Amino acid sequence: MPSQVLILISVILSACGQVAMKMGASSLSGKSDVFLMKILQYLTNIPIMVGLGLYGISAFVWIAAIEKVQLSYAYPMAALGYVLVALFSMWIFQEPLSGVRLLGLAIIVIGVIVISRS
């Protein structure tokens, strides 16, 4: 599989993991401030566990990608995760995206395009 595809899969899995963990964390809001109780709540929360699983799979796909390409090429591609998480957050959690944030995301995309052509 081409390294660019592996990088993209890793970034997508990581972003989905972040969204799943946010879903789980949102359902726990205010339940307990005791650290050990929080950890127990995290470990028994299905969306958080799914998110961690996706994150783990993403890490293994990432390793397969960086085995094939220079890290200085691959790592900036991970910035696409910021873009995906922002878009997912807007879509799933109805979080607002200001013009300044959109500009920042556009700069990230442009940067990734420039690096991908190097």
PDB file of N, CA and C in Angstrom:
ATOM      1  N   MET A   1       0.845  -1.176   0.000  1.00  0.00           N
ATOM      2  CA  MET A   1       0.000   0.000   0.000  1.00  0.00           C
ATOM      3  C   MET A   1       0.897   1.248   0.000  1.00  0.00           C
ATOM      4  N   PRO A   2       0.568   2.250  -0.810  1.00  0.00           N
ATOM      5  CA  PRO A   2       1.390   3.468  -0.864  1.00  0.00           C
ATOM      6  C   PRO A   2       1.451   4.177   0.499  1.00  0.00           C
ATOM      7  N   SER A   3       2.593   4.757   0.785  1.00  0.00           N
ATOM      8  CA  SER A   3       2.786   5.405   2.079  1.00  0.00           C
ATOM      9  C   SER A   3       1.801   6.554   2.307  1.00  0.00           C
ATOM     10  N   GLN A   4       1.444   7.289   1.263  1.00  0.00           N
ATOM     11  CA  GLN A   4       0.496   8.388   1.418  1.00  0.00           C
ATOM     12  C   GLN A   4      -0.872   7.877   1.866  1.00  0.00           C
ATOM     13  N   VAL A   5      -1.253   6.712   1.376  1.00  0.00           N
ATOM     14  CA  VAL A   5      -2.527   6.112   1.778  1.00  0.00           C
ATOM     15  C   VAL A   5      -2.459   5.695   3.248  1.00  0.00           C
ATOM     16  N   LEU A   6      -1.341   5.101   3.655  1.00  0.00           N
ATOM     17  CA  LEU A   6      -1.174   4.717   5.053  1.00  0.00           C
ATOM     18  C   LEU A   6      -1.217   5.938   5.969  1.00  0.00           C
ATOM     19  N   ILE A   7      -0.566   7.014   5.554  1.00  0.00           N
ATOM     20  CA  ILE A   7      -0.589   8.246   6.347  1.00  0.00           C
ATOM     21  C   ILE A   7      -2.016   8.754   6.482  1.00  0.00           C
ATOM     22  N   LEU A   8      -2.744   8.788   5.378  1.00  0.00           N
ATOM     23  CA  LEU A   8      -4.125   9.271   5.407  1.00  0.00           C
ATOM     24  C   LEU A   8      -5.009   8.388   6.290  1.00  0.00           C
ATOM     25  N   ILE A   9      -4.856   7.077   6.190  1.00  0.00           N
ATOM     26  CA  ILE A   9      -5.630   6.164   7.034  1.00  0.00           C
ATOM     27  C   ILE A   9      -5.311   6.412   8.505  1.00  0.00           C
ATOM     28  N   SER A  10      -4.042   6.569   8.820  1.00  0.00           N
ATOM     29  CA  SER A  10      -3.640   6.825  10.197  1.00  0.00           C
ATOM     30  C   SER A  10      -4.247   8.117  10.725  1.00  0.00           C
ATOM     31  N   VAL A  11      -4.206   9.164   9.918  1.00  0.00           N
ATOM     32  CA  VAL A  11      -4.755  10.459  10.322  1.00  0.00           C
ATOM     33  C   VAL A  11      -6.268  10.366  10.528  1.00  0.00           C
ATOM     34  N   ILE A  12      -6.960   9.680   9.645  1.00  0.00           N
ATOM     35  CA  ILE A  12      -8.414   9.535   9.767  1.00  0.00           C
ATOM     36  C   ILE A  12      -8.768   8.732  11.017  1.00  0.00           C
ATOM     37  N   LEU A  13      -8.069   7.638  11.249  1.00  0.00           N
ATOM     38  CA  LEU A  13      -8.334   6.827  12.443  1.00  0.00           C
ATOM     39  C   LEU A  13      -8.075   7.625  13.717  1.00  0.00           C
ATOM     40  N   SER A  14      -6.999   8.385  13.720  1.00  0.00           N
ATOM     41  CA  SER A  14      -6.663   9.204  14.880  1.00  0.00           C
ATOM     42  C   SER A  14      -7.740  10.261  15.133  1.00  0.00           C
ATOM     43  N   ALA A  15      -8.196  10.927  14.087  1.00  0.00           N
ATOM     44  CA  ALA A  15      -9.239  11.944  14.229  1.00  0.00           C
ATOM     45  C   ALA A  15     -10.546  11.317  14.722  1.00  0.00           C
ATOM     46  N   CYS A  16     -10.901  10.168  14.187  1.00  0.00           N
ATOM     47  CA  CYS A  16     -12.109   9.473  14.645  1.00  0.00           C
ATOM     48  C   CYS A  16     -11.971   9.057  16.109  1.00  0.00           C
ATOM     49  N   GLY A  17     -10.769   8.652  16.495  1.00  0.00           N
ATOM     50  CA  GLY A  17     -10.520   8.313  17.891  1.00  0.00           C
ATOM     51  C   GLY A  17     -10.722   9.512  18.803  1.00  0.00           C
ATOM     52  N   GLN A  18     -10.248  10.674  18.370  1.00  0.00           N
ATOM     53  CA  GLN A  18     -10.430  11.893  19.156  1.00  0.00           C
ATOM     54  C   GLN A  18     -11.910  12.218  19.331  1.00  0.00           C
ATOM     55  N   VAL A  19     -12.671  12.083  18.257  1.00  0.00           N
ATOM     56  CA  VAL A  19     -14.108  12.370  18.318  1.00  0.00           C
ATOM     57  C   VAL A  19     -14.810  11.386  19.250  1.00  0.00           C
ATOM     58  N   ALA A  20     -14.462  10.122  19.160  1.00  0.00           N
ATOM     59  CA  ALA A  20     -15.079   9.119  20.035  1.00  0.00           C
ATOM     60  C   ALA A  20     -14.753   9.403  21.499  1.00  0.00           C
ATOM     61  N   MET A  21     -13.494   9.776  21.772  1.00  0.00           N
ATOM     62  CA  MET A  21     -13.128  10.086  23.159  1.00  0.00           C
ATOM     63  C   MET A  21     -13.871  11.323  23.659  1.00  0.00           C
ATOM     64  N   LYS A  22     -14.082  12.318  22.797  1.00  0.00           N
ATOM     65  CA  LYS A  22     -14.852  13.510  23.175  1.00  0.00           C
ATOM     66  C   LYS A  22     -16.297  13.124  23.483  1.00  0.00           C
ATOM     67  N   MET A  23     -16.868  12.246  22.684  1.00  0.00           N
ATOM     68  CA  MET A  23     -18.233  11.782  22.944  1.00  0.00           C
ATOM     69  C   MET A  23     -18.328  11.140  24.331  1.00  0.00           C
ATOM     70  N   GLY A  24     -17.369  10.277  24.615  1.00  0.00           N
ATOM     71  CA  GLY A  24     -17.356   9.620  25.906  1.00  0.00           C
ATOM     72  C   GLY A  24     -17.119  10.592  27.038  1.00  0.00           C
ATOM     73  N   ALA A  25     -16.178  11.501  26.862  1.00  0.00           N
ATOM     74  CA  ALA A  25     -15.858  12.477  27.905  1.00  0.00           C
ATOM     75  C   ALA A  25     -17.044  13.397  28.179  1.00  0.00           C
ATOM     76  N   SER A  26     -17.770  13.750  27.130  1.00  0.00           N
ATOM     77  CA  SER A  26     -18.931  14.627  27.307  1.00  0.00           C
ATOM     78  C   SER A  26     -20.011  13.967  28.157  1.00  0.00           C
ATOM     79  N   SER A  27     -20.121  12.658  28.057  1.00  0.00           N
ATOM     80  CA  SER A  27     -21.133  11.955  28.841  1.00  0.00           C
ATOM     81  C   SER A  27     -20.741  11.836  30.313  1.00  0.00           C
ATOM     82  N   LEU A  28     -19.485  12.103  30.644  1.00  0.00           N
ATOM     83  CA  LEU A  28     -19.004  11.993  32.021  1.00  0.00           C
ATOM     84  C   LEU A  28     -18.953  13.333  32.735  1.00  0.00           C
ATOM     85  N   SER A  29     -19.178  14.388  32.037  1.00  0.00           N
ATOM     86  CA  SER A  29     -18.995  15.725  32.567  1.00  0.00           C
ATOM     87  C   SER A  29     -19.648  15.911  33.939  1.00  0.00           C
ATOM     88  N   GLY A  30     -18.809  16.234  34.924  1.00  0.00           N
ATOM     89  CA  GLY A  30     -19.294  16.547  36.264  1.00  0.00           C
ATOM     90  C   GLY A  30     -19.617  15.368  37.154  1.00  0.00           C
ATOM     91  N   LYS A  31     -19.349  14.138  36.717  1.00  0.00           N
ATOM     92  CA  LYS A  31     -19.713  12.971  37.530  1.00  0.00           C
ATOM     93  C   LYS A  31     -18.810  12.798  38.739  1.00  0.00           C
ATOM     94  N   SER A  32     -17.519  13.043  38.598  1.00  0.00           N
ATOM     95  CA  SER A  32     -16.600  12.884  39.717  1.00  0.00           C
ATOM     96  C   SER A  32     -15.323  13.654  39.445  1.00  0.00           C
ATOM     97  N   ASP A  33     -14.786  14.265  40.512  1.00  0.00           N
ATOM     98  CA  ASP A  33     -13.509  14.958  40.387  1.00  0.00           C
ATOM     99  C   ASP A  33     -12.372  14.177  41.022  1.00  0.00           C
ATOM    100  N   VAL A  34     -12.691  13.028  41.602  1.00  0.00           N
ATOM    101  CA  VAL A  34     -11.672  12.193  42.224  1.00  0.00           C
ATOM    102  C   VAL A  34     -10.925  11.451  41.114  1.00  0.00           C
ATOM    103  N   PHE A  35      -9.600  11.608  41.091  1.00  0.00           N
ATOM    104  CA  PHE A  35      -8.780  11.097  39.994  1.00  0.00           C
ATOM    105  C   PHE A  35      -8.993   9.605  39.730  1.00  0.00           C
ATOM    106  N   LEU A  36      -8.947   8.785  40.748  1.00  0.00           N
ATOM    107  CA  LEU A  36      -9.106   7.336  40.546  1.00  0.00           C
ATOM    108  C   LEU A  36     -10.506   6.992  40.047  1.00  0.00           C
ATOM    109  N   MET A  37     -11.508   7.727  40.501  1.00  0.00           N
ATOM    110  CA  MET A  37     -12.870   7.497  40.004  1.00  0.00           C
ATOM    111  C   MET A  37     -12.973   7.897  38.532  1.00  0.00           C
ATOM    112  N   LYS A  38     -12.288   8.993  38.169  1.00  0.00           N
ATOM    113  CA  LYS A  38     -12.283   9.417  36.767  1.00  0.00           C
ATOM    114  C   LYS A  38     -11.689   8.328  35.876  1.00  0.00           C
ATOM    115  N   ILE A  39     -10.567   7.752  36.302  1.00  0.00           N
ATOM    116  CA  ILE A  39      -9.927   6.699  35.510  1.00  0.00           C
ATOM    117  C   ILE A  39     -10.871   5.513  35.357  1.00  0.00           C
ATOM    118  N   LEU A  40     -11.544   5.132  36.416  1.00  0.00           N
ATOM    119  CA  LEU A  40     -12.502   4.028  36.350  1.00  0.00           C
ATOM    120  C   LEU A  40     -13.636   4.364  35.385  1.00  0.00           C
ATOM    121  N   GLN A  41     -14.099   5.604  35.436  1.00  0.00           N
ATOM    122  CA  GLN A  41     -15.150   6.025  34.503  1.00  0.00           C
ATOM    123  C   GLN A  41     -14.652   5.969  33.062  1.00  0.00           C
ATOM    124  N   TYR A  42     -13.418   6.385  32.843  1.00  0.00           N
ATOM    125  CA  TYR A  42     -12.852   6.336  31.493  1.00  0.00           C
ATOM    126  C   TYR A  42     -12.760   4.894  30.997  1.00  0.00           C
ATOM    127  N   LEU A  43     -12.302   4.015  31.869  1.00  0.00           N
ATOM    128  CA  LEU A  43     -12.093   2.613  31.475  1.00  0.00           C
ATOM    129  C   LEU A  43     -13.388   1.853  31.248  1.00  0.00           C
ATOM    130  N   THR A  44     -14.493   2.368  31.751  1.00  0.00           N
ATOM    131  CA  THR A  44     -15.782   1.698  31.579  1.00  0.00           C
ATOM    132  C   THR A  44     -16.690   2.438  30.595  1.00  0.00           C
ATOM    133  N   ASN A  45     -16.144   3.434  29.922  1.00  0.00           N
ATOM    134  CA  ASN A  45     -16.916   4.228  28.975  1.00  0.00           C
ATOM    135  C   ASN A  45     -16.633   3.716  27.564  1.00  0.00           C
ATOM    136  N   ILE A  46     -17.651   3.187  26.912  1.00  0.00           N
ATOM    137  CA  ILE A  46     -17.470   2.550  25.603  1.00  0.00           C
ATOM    138  C   ILE A  46     -16.910   3.513  24.549  1.00  0.00           C
ATOM    139  N   PRO A  47     -17.463   4.728  24.391  1.00  0.00           N
ATOM    140  CA  PRO A  47     -16.868   5.612  23.379  1.00  0.00           C
ATOM    141  C   PRO A  47     -15.393   5.937  23.647  1.00  0.00           C
ATOM    142  N   ILE A  48     -15.018   6.101  24.908  1.00  0.00           N
ATOM    143  CA  ILE A  48     -13.617   6.369  25.216  1.00  0.00           C
ATOM    144  C   ILE A  48     -12.760   5.160  24.854  1.00  0.00           C
ATOM    145  N   MET A  49     -13.230   3.972  25.162  1.00  0.00           N
ATOM    146  CA  MET A  49     -12.468   2.768  24.833  1.00  0.00           C
ATOM    147  C   MET A  49     -12.362   2.575  23.316  1.00  0.00           C
ATOM    148  N   VAL A  50     -13.445   2.860  22.591  1.00  0.00           N
ATOM    149  CA  VAL A  50     -13.405   2.786  21.124  1.00  0.00           C
ATOM    150  C   VAL A  50     -12.393   3.802  20.595  1.00  0.00           C
ATOM    151  N   GLY A  51     -12.429   5.006  21.148  1.00  0.00           N
ATOM    152  CA  GLY A  51     -11.487   6.042  20.735  1.00  0.00           C
ATOM    153  C   GLY A  51     -10.044   5.627  20.964  1.00  0.00           C
ATOM    154  N   LEU A  52      -9.773   5.062  22.130  1.00  0.00           N
ATOM    155  CA  LEU A  52      -8.413   4.589  22.409  1.00  0.00           C
ATOM    156  C   LEU A  52      -8.017   3.458  21.466  1.00  0.00           C
ATOM    157  N   GLY A  53      -8.961   2.590  21.141  1.00  0.00           N
ATOM    158  CA  GLY A  53      -8.688   1.511  20.197  1.00  0.00           C
ATOM    159  C   GLY A  53      -8.346   2.050  18.816  1.00  0.00           C
ATOM    160  N   LEU A  54      -9.128   3.026  18.354  1.00  0.00           N
ATOM    161  CA  LEU A  54      -8.852   3.642  17.054  1.00  0.00           C
ATOM    162  C   LEU A  54      -7.491   4.328  17.064  1.00  0.00           C
ATOM    163  N   TYR A  55      -7.186   4.978  18.167  1.00  0.00           N
ATOM    164  CA  TYR A  55      -5.896   5.634  18.324  1.00  0.00           C
ATOM    165  C   TYR A  55      -4.757   4.611  18.241  1.00  0.00           C
ATOM    166  N   GLY A  56      -4.953   3.464  18.890  1.00  0.00           N
ATOM    167  CA  GLY A  56      -3.943   2.409  18.859  1.00  0.00           C
ATOM    168  C   GLY A  56      -3.734   1.855  17.466  1.00  0.00           C
ATOM    169  N   ILE A  57      -4.823   1.586  16.766  1.00  0.00           N
ATOM    170  CA  ILE A  57      -4.721   1.092  15.384  1.00  0.00           C
ATOM    171  C   ILE A  57      -4.020   2.138  14.522  1.00  0.00           C
ATOM    172  N   SER A  58      -4.379   3.396  14.738  1.00  0.00           N
ATOM    173  CA  SER A  58      -3.756   4.493  14.009  1.00  0.00           C
ATOM    174  C   SER A  58      -2.242   4.492  14.202  1.00  0.00           C
ATOM    175  N   ALA A  59      -1.795   4.226  15.420  1.00  0.00           N
ATOM    176  CA  ALA A  59      -0.363   4.210  15.711  1.00  0.00           C
ATOM    177  C   ALA A  59       0.346   3.124  14.908  1.00  0.00           C
ATOM    178  N   PHE A  60      -0.264   1.948  14.805  1.00  0.00           N
ATOM    179  CA  PHE A  60       0.362   0.861  14.046  1.00  0.00           C
ATOM    180  C   PHE A  60       0.387   1.169  12.546  1.00  0.00           C
ATOM    181  N   VAL A  61      -0.673   1.779  12.043  1.00  0.00           N
ATOM    182  CA  VAL A  61      -0.691   2.169  10.628  1.00  0.00           C
ATOM    183  C   VAL A  61       0.380   3.248  10.387  1.00  0.00           C
ATOM    184  N   TRP A  62       0.511   4.161  11.356  1.00  0.00           N
ATOM    185  CA  TRP A  62       1.520   5.215  11.258  1.00  0.00           C
ATOM    186  C   TRP A  62       2.929   4.613  11.178  1.00  0.00           C
ATOM    187  N   ILE A  63       3.187   3.622  12.005  1.00  0.00           N
ATOM    188  CA  ILE A  63       4.493   2.960  11.991  1.00  0.00           C
ATOM    189  C   ILE A  63       4.756   2.345  10.620  1.00  0.00           C
ATOM    190  N   ALA A  64       3.743   1.718  10.037  1.00  0.00           N
ATOM    191  CA  ALA A  64       3.898   1.136   8.701  1.00  0.00           C
ATOM    192  C   ALA A  64       4.202   2.225   7.678  1.00  0.00           C
ATOM    193  N   ALA A  65       3.608   3.402   7.856  1.00  0.00           N
ATOM    194  CA  ALA A  65       3.841   4.507   6.912  1.00  0.00           C
ATOM    195  C   ALA A  65       5.248   5.057   7.047  1.00  0.00           C
ATOM    196  N   ILE A  66       5.683   5.302   8.288  1.00  0.00           N
ATOM    197  CA  ILE A  66       7.009   5.923   8.446  1.00  0.00           C
ATOM    198  C   ILE A  66       8.148   4.944   8.186  1.00  0.00           C
ATOM    199  N   GLU A  67       7.796   3.668   8.096  1.00  0.00           N
ATOM    200  CA  GLU A  67       8.792   2.678   7.684  1.00  0.00           C
ATOM    201  C   GLU A  67       9.201   2.925   6.234  1.00  0.00           C
ATOM    202  N   LYS A  68       8.270   3.514   5.453  1.00  0.00           N
ATOM    203  CA  LYS A  68       8.480   3.671   4.016  1.00  0.00           C
ATOM    204  C   LYS A  68       8.933   5.070   3.599  1.00  0.00           C
ATOM    205  N   VAL A  69       8.694   6.085   4.440  1.00  0.00           N
ATOM    206  CA  VAL A  69       9.024   7.455   4.031  1.00  0.00           C
ATOM    207  C   VAL A  69       9.808   8.159   5.128  1.00  0.00           C
ATOM    208  N   GLN A  70      10.403   9.272   4.763  1.00  0.00           N
ATOM    209  CA  GLN A  70      11.126  10.078   5.741  1.00  0.00           C
ATOM    210  C   GLN A  70      10.127  10.664   6.743  1.00  0.00           C
ATOM    211  N   LEU A  71      10.518  10.669   7.995  1.00  0.00           N
ATOM    212  CA  LEU A  71       9.656  11.221   9.035  1.00  0.00           C
ATOM    213  C   LEU A  71       9.404  12.711   8.815  1.00  0.00           C
ATOM    214  N   SER A  72      10.405  13.410   8.296  1.00  0.00           N
ATOM    215  CA  SER A  72      10.241  14.845   8.036  1.00  0.00           C
ATOM    216  C   SER A  72       9.218  15.119   6.937  1.00  0.00           C
ATOM    217  N   TYR A  73       8.921  14.111   6.133  1.00  0.00           N
ATOM    218  CA  TYR A  73       7.853  14.208   5.133  1.00  0.00           C
ATOM    219  C   TYR A  73       6.518  13.806   5.741  1.00  0.00           C
ATOM    220  N   ALA A  74       6.503  12.716   6.479  1.00  0.00           N
ATOM    221  CA  ALA A  74       5.247  12.166   6.998  1.00  0.00           C
ATOM    222  C   ALA A  74       4.650  12.995   8.122  1.00  0.00           C
ATOM    223  N   TYR A  75       5.494  13.452   9.041  1.00  0.00           N
ATOM    224  CA  TYR A  75       4.961  14.074  10.243  1.00  0.00           C
ATOM    225  C   TYR A  75       4.110  15.314   9.972  1.00  0.00           C
ATOM    226  N   PRO A  76       4.511  16.196   9.064  1.00  0.00           N
ATOM    227  CA  PRO A  76       3.632  17.342   8.782  1.00  0.00           C
ATOM    228  C   PRO A  76       2.245  16.929   8.266  1.00  0.00           C
ATOM    229  N   MET A  77       2.167  15.755   7.619  1.00  0.00           N
ATOM    230  CA  MET A  77       0.870  15.267   7.133  1.00  0.00           C
ATOM    231  C   MET A  77      -0.089  14.999   8.286  1.00  0.00           C
ATOM    232  N   ALA A  78       0.459  14.696   9.446  1.00  0.00           N
ATOM    233  CA  ALA A  78      -0.380  14.448  10.622  1.00  0.00           C
ATOM    234  C   ALA A  78      -1.186  15.692  10.992  1.00  0.00           C
ATOM    235  N   ALA A  79      -0.744  16.861  10.535  1.00  0.00           N
ATOM    236  CA  ALA A  79      -1.475  18.101  10.806  1.00  0.00           C
ATOM    237  C   ALA A  79      -2.874  18.082  10.182  1.00  0.00           C
ATOM    238  N   LEU A  80      -3.072  17.222   9.198  1.00  0.00           N
ATOM    239  CA  LEU A  80      -4.423  17.094   8.632  1.00  0.00           C
ATOM    240  C   LEU A  80      -5.417  16.622   9.685  1.00  0.00           C
ATOM    241  N   GLY A  81      -4.913  15.986  10.732  1.00  0.00           N
ATOM    242  CA  GLY A  81      -5.776  15.581  11.837  1.00  0.00           C
ATOM    243  C   GLY A  81      -6.462  16.775  12.478  1.00  0.00           C
ATOM    244  N   TYR A  82      -5.749  17.910  12.581  1.00  0.00           N
ATOM    245  CA  TYR A  82      -6.361  19.126  13.133  1.00  0.00           C
ATOM    246  C   TYR A  82      -7.554  19.543  12.282  1.00  0.00           C
ATOM    247  N   VAL A  83      -7.373  19.464  10.987  1.00  0.00           N
ATOM    248  CA  VAL A  83      -8.432  19.868  10.064  1.00  0.00           C
ATOM    249  C   VAL A  83      -9.632  18.929  10.195  1.00  0.00           C
ATOM    250  N   LEU A  84      -9.376  17.625  10.191  1.00  0.00           N
ATOM    251  CA  LEU A  84     -10.471  16.658  10.300  1.00  0.00           C
ATOM    252  C   LEU A  84     -11.214  16.785  11.628  1.00  0.00           C
ATOM    253  N   VAL A  85     -10.469  16.929  12.729  1.00  0.00           N
ATOM    254  CA  VAL A  85     -11.121  17.047  14.035  1.00  0.00           C
ATOM    255  C   VAL A  85     -11.975  18.311  14.084  1.00  0.00           C
ATOM    256  N   ALA A  86     -11.482  19.405  13.537  1.00  0.00           N
ATOM    257  CA  ALA A  86     -12.264  20.644  13.521  1.00  0.00           C
ATOM    258  C   ALA A  86     -13.550  20.464  12.707  1.00  0.00           C
ATOM    259  N   LEU A  87     -13.437  19.824  11.553  1.00  0.00           N
ATOM    260  CA  LEU A  87     -14.631  19.602  10.718  1.00  0.00           C
ATOM    261  C   LEU A  87     -15.611  18.635  11.380  1.00  0.00           C
ATOM    262  N   PHE A  88     -15.088  17.542  11.958  1.00  0.00           N
ATOM    263  CA  PHE A  88     -15.950  16.600  12.681  1.00  0.00           C
ATOM    264  C   PHE A  88     -16.621  17.276  13.871  1.00  0.00           C
ATOM    265  N   SER A  89     -15.884  18.132  14.573  1.00  0.00           N
ATOM    266  CA  SER A  89     -16.437  18.816  15.743  1.00  0.00           C
ATOM    267  C   SER A  89     -17.564  19.750  15.343  1.00  0.00           C
ATOM    268  N   MET A  90     -17.384  20.412  14.217  1.00  0.00           N
ATOM    269  CA  MET A  90     -18.434  21.298  13.720  1.00  0.00           C
ATOM    270  C   MET A  90     -19.675  20.482  13.341  1.00  0.00           C
ATOM    271  N   TRP A  91     -19.453  19.366  12.684  1.00  0.00           N
ATOM    272  CA  TRP A  91     -20.550  18.539  12.184  1.00  0.00           C
ATOM    273  C   TRP A  91     -21.236  17.757  13.314  1.00  0.00           C
ATOM    274  N   ILE A  92     -20.474  17.108  14.159  1.00  0.00           N
ATOM    275  CA  ILE A  92     -21.045  16.209  15.168  1.00  0.00           C
ATOM    276  C   ILE A  92     -21.458  16.945  16.440  1.00  0.00           C
ATOM    277  N   PHE A  93     -20.598  17.864  16.914  1.00  0.00           N
ATOM    278  CA  PHE A  93     -20.859  18.543  18.187  1.00  0.00           C
ATOM    279  C   PHE A  93     -21.423  19.950  18.008  1.00  0.00           C
ATOM    280  N   GLN A  94     -21.644  20.365  16.763  1.00  0.00           N
ATOM    281  CA  GLN A  94     -22.128  21.701  16.438  1.00  0.00           C
ATOM    282  C   GLN A  94     -21.237  22.791  17.047  1.00  0.00           C
ATOM    283  N   GLU A  95     -19.927  22.537  17.080  1.00  0.00           N
ATOM    284  CA  GLU A  95     -18.988  23.542  17.557  1.00  0.00           C
ATOM    285  C   GLU A  95     -18.782  24.578  16.462  1.00  0.00           C
ATOM    286  N   PRO A  96     -18.764  25.856  16.837  1.00  0.00           N
ATOM    287  CA  PRO A  96     -18.596  26.897  15.814  1.00  0.00           C
ATOM    288  C   PRO A  96     -17.166  26.946  15.286  1.00  0.00           C
ATOM    289  N   LEU A  97     -17.038  27.299  14.025  1.00  0.00           N
ATOM    290  CA  LEU A  97     -15.721  27.521  13.416  1.00  0.00           C
ATOM    291  C   LEU A  97     -15.679  28.972  12.946  1.00  0.00           C
ATOM    292  N   SER A  98     -14.918  29.788  13.639  1.00  0.00           N
ATOM    293  CA  SER A  98     -14.812  31.207  13.280  1.00  0.00           C
ATOM    294  C   SER A  98     -13.999  31.356  11.994  1.00  0.00           C
ATOM    295  N   GLY A  99     -14.061  32.538  11.446  1.00  0.00           N
ATOM    296  CA  GLY A  99     -13.286  32.824  10.248  1.00  0.00           C
ATOM    297  C   GLY A  99     -11.794  32.661  10.477  1.00  0.00           C
ATOM    298  N   VAL A 100     -11.339  33.052  11.671  1.00  0.00           N
ATOM    299  CA  VAL A 100      -9.913  32.922  11.984  1.00  0.00           C
ATOM    300  C   VAL A 100      -9.514  31.448  12.042  1.00  0.00           C
ATOM    301  N   ARG A 101     -10.357  30.614  12.638  1.00  0.00           N
ATOM    302  CA  ARG A 101     -10.065  29.175  12.674  1.00  0.00           C
ATOM    303  C   ARG A 101     -10.051  28.588  11.257  1.00  0.00           C
ATOM    304  N   LEU A 102     -11.035  28.977  10.463  1.00  0.00           N
ATOM    305  CA  LEU A 102     -11.070  28.481   9.088  1.00  0.00           C
ATOM    306  C   LEU A 102      -9.822  28.900   8.326  1.00  0.00           C
ATOM    307  N   LEU A 103      -9.367  30.126   8.547  1.00  0.00           N
ATOM    308  CA  LEU A 103      -8.143  30.591   7.908  1.00  0.00           C
ATOM    309  C   LEU A 103      -6.952  29.741   8.354  1.00  0.00           C
ATOM    310  N   GLY A 104      -6.868  29.462   9.646  1.00  0.00           N
ATOM    311  CA  GLY A 104      -5.792  28.616  10.170  1.00  0.00           C
ATOM    312  C   GLY A 104      -5.823  27.226   9.560  1.00  0.00           C
ATOM    313  N   LEU A 105      -7.029  26.654   9.441  1.00  0.00           N
ATOM    314  CA  LEU A 105      -7.161  25.321   8.835  1.00  0.00           C
ATOM    315  C   LEU A 105      -6.751  25.348   7.366  1.00  0.00           C
ATOM    316  N   ALA A 106      -7.105  26.423   6.669  1.00  0.00           N
ATOM    317  CA  ALA A 106      -6.713  26.553   5.259  1.00  0.00           C
ATOM    318  C   ALA A 106      -5.194  26.644   5.135  1.00  0.00           C
ATOM    319  N   ILE A 107      -4.563  27.343   6.064  1.00  0.00           N
ATOM    320  CA  ILE A 107      -3.096  27.443   6.044  1.00  0.00           C
ATOM    321  C   ILE A 107      -2.468  26.070   6.261  1.00  0.00           C
ATOM    322  N   ILE A 108      -3.047  25.289   7.164  1.00  0.00           N
ATOM    323  CA  ILE A 108      -2.547  23.931   7.405  1.00  0.00           C
ATOM    324  C   ILE A 108      -2.647  23.100   6.127  1.00  0.00           C
ATOM    325  N   VAL A 109      -3.791  23.154   5.469  1.00  0.00           N
ATOM    326  CA  VAL A 109      -3.994  22.376   4.240  1.00  0.00           C
ATOM    327  C   VAL A 109      -2.992  22.807   3.167  1.00  0.00           C
ATOM    328  N   ILE A 110      -2.806  24.106   3.024  1.00  0.00           N
ATOM    329  CA  ILE A 110      -1.843  24.602   2.038  1.00  0.00           C
ATOM    330  C   ILE A 110      -0.442  24.105   2.382  1.00  0.00           C
ATOM    331  N   GLY A 111      -0.085  24.153   3.657  1.00  0.00           N
ATOM    332  CA  GLY A 111       1.224  23.668   4.080  1.00  0.00           C
ATOM    333  C   GLY A 111       1.426  22.200   3.774  1.00  0.00           C
ATOM    334  N   VAL A 112       0.400  21.397   4.020  1.00  0.00           N
ATOM    335  CA  VAL A 112       0.483  19.968   3.743  1.00  0.00           C
ATOM    336  C   VAL A 112       0.634  19.724   2.243  1.00  0.00           C
ATOM    337  N   ILE A 113      -0.081  20.498   1.430  1.00  0.00           N
ATOM    338  CA  ILE A 113       0.040  20.353  -0.024  1.00  0.00           C
ATOM    339  C   ILE A 113       1.454  20.692  -0.463  1.00  0.00           C
ATOM    340  N   VAL A 114       1.998  21.771   0.059  1.00  0.00           N
ATOM    341  CA  VAL A 114       3.370  22.178  -0.312  1.00  0.00           C
ATOM    342  C   VAL A 114       4.356  21.066   0.078  1.00  0.00           C
ATOM    343  N   ILE A 115       4.237  20.558   1.280  1.00  0.00           N
ATOM    344  CA  ILE A 115       5.162  19.510   1.744  1.00  0.00           C
ATOM    345  C   ILE A 115       4.989  18.233   0.921  1.00  0.00           C
ATOM    346  N   SER A 116       3.753  17.886   0.577  1.00  0.00           N
ATOM    347  CA  SER A 116       3.519  16.650  -0.165  1.00  0.00           C
ATOM    348  C   SER A 116       4.116  16.694  -1.562  1.00  0.00           C
ATOM    349  N   ARG A 117       4.348  17.874  -2.070  1.00  0.00           N
ATOM    350  CA  ARG A 117       4.932  18.010  -3.419  1.00  0.00           C
ATOM    351  C   ARG A 117       6.467  18.096  -3.376  1.00  0.00           C
ATOM    352  N   SER A 118       7.018  18.087  -2.163  1.00  0.00           N
ATOM    353  CA  SER A 118       8.482  18.225  -2.052  1.00  0.00           C
ATOM    354  C   SER A 118       9.176  16.892  -2.267  1.00  0.00           C
TER     355      SER A 118
END
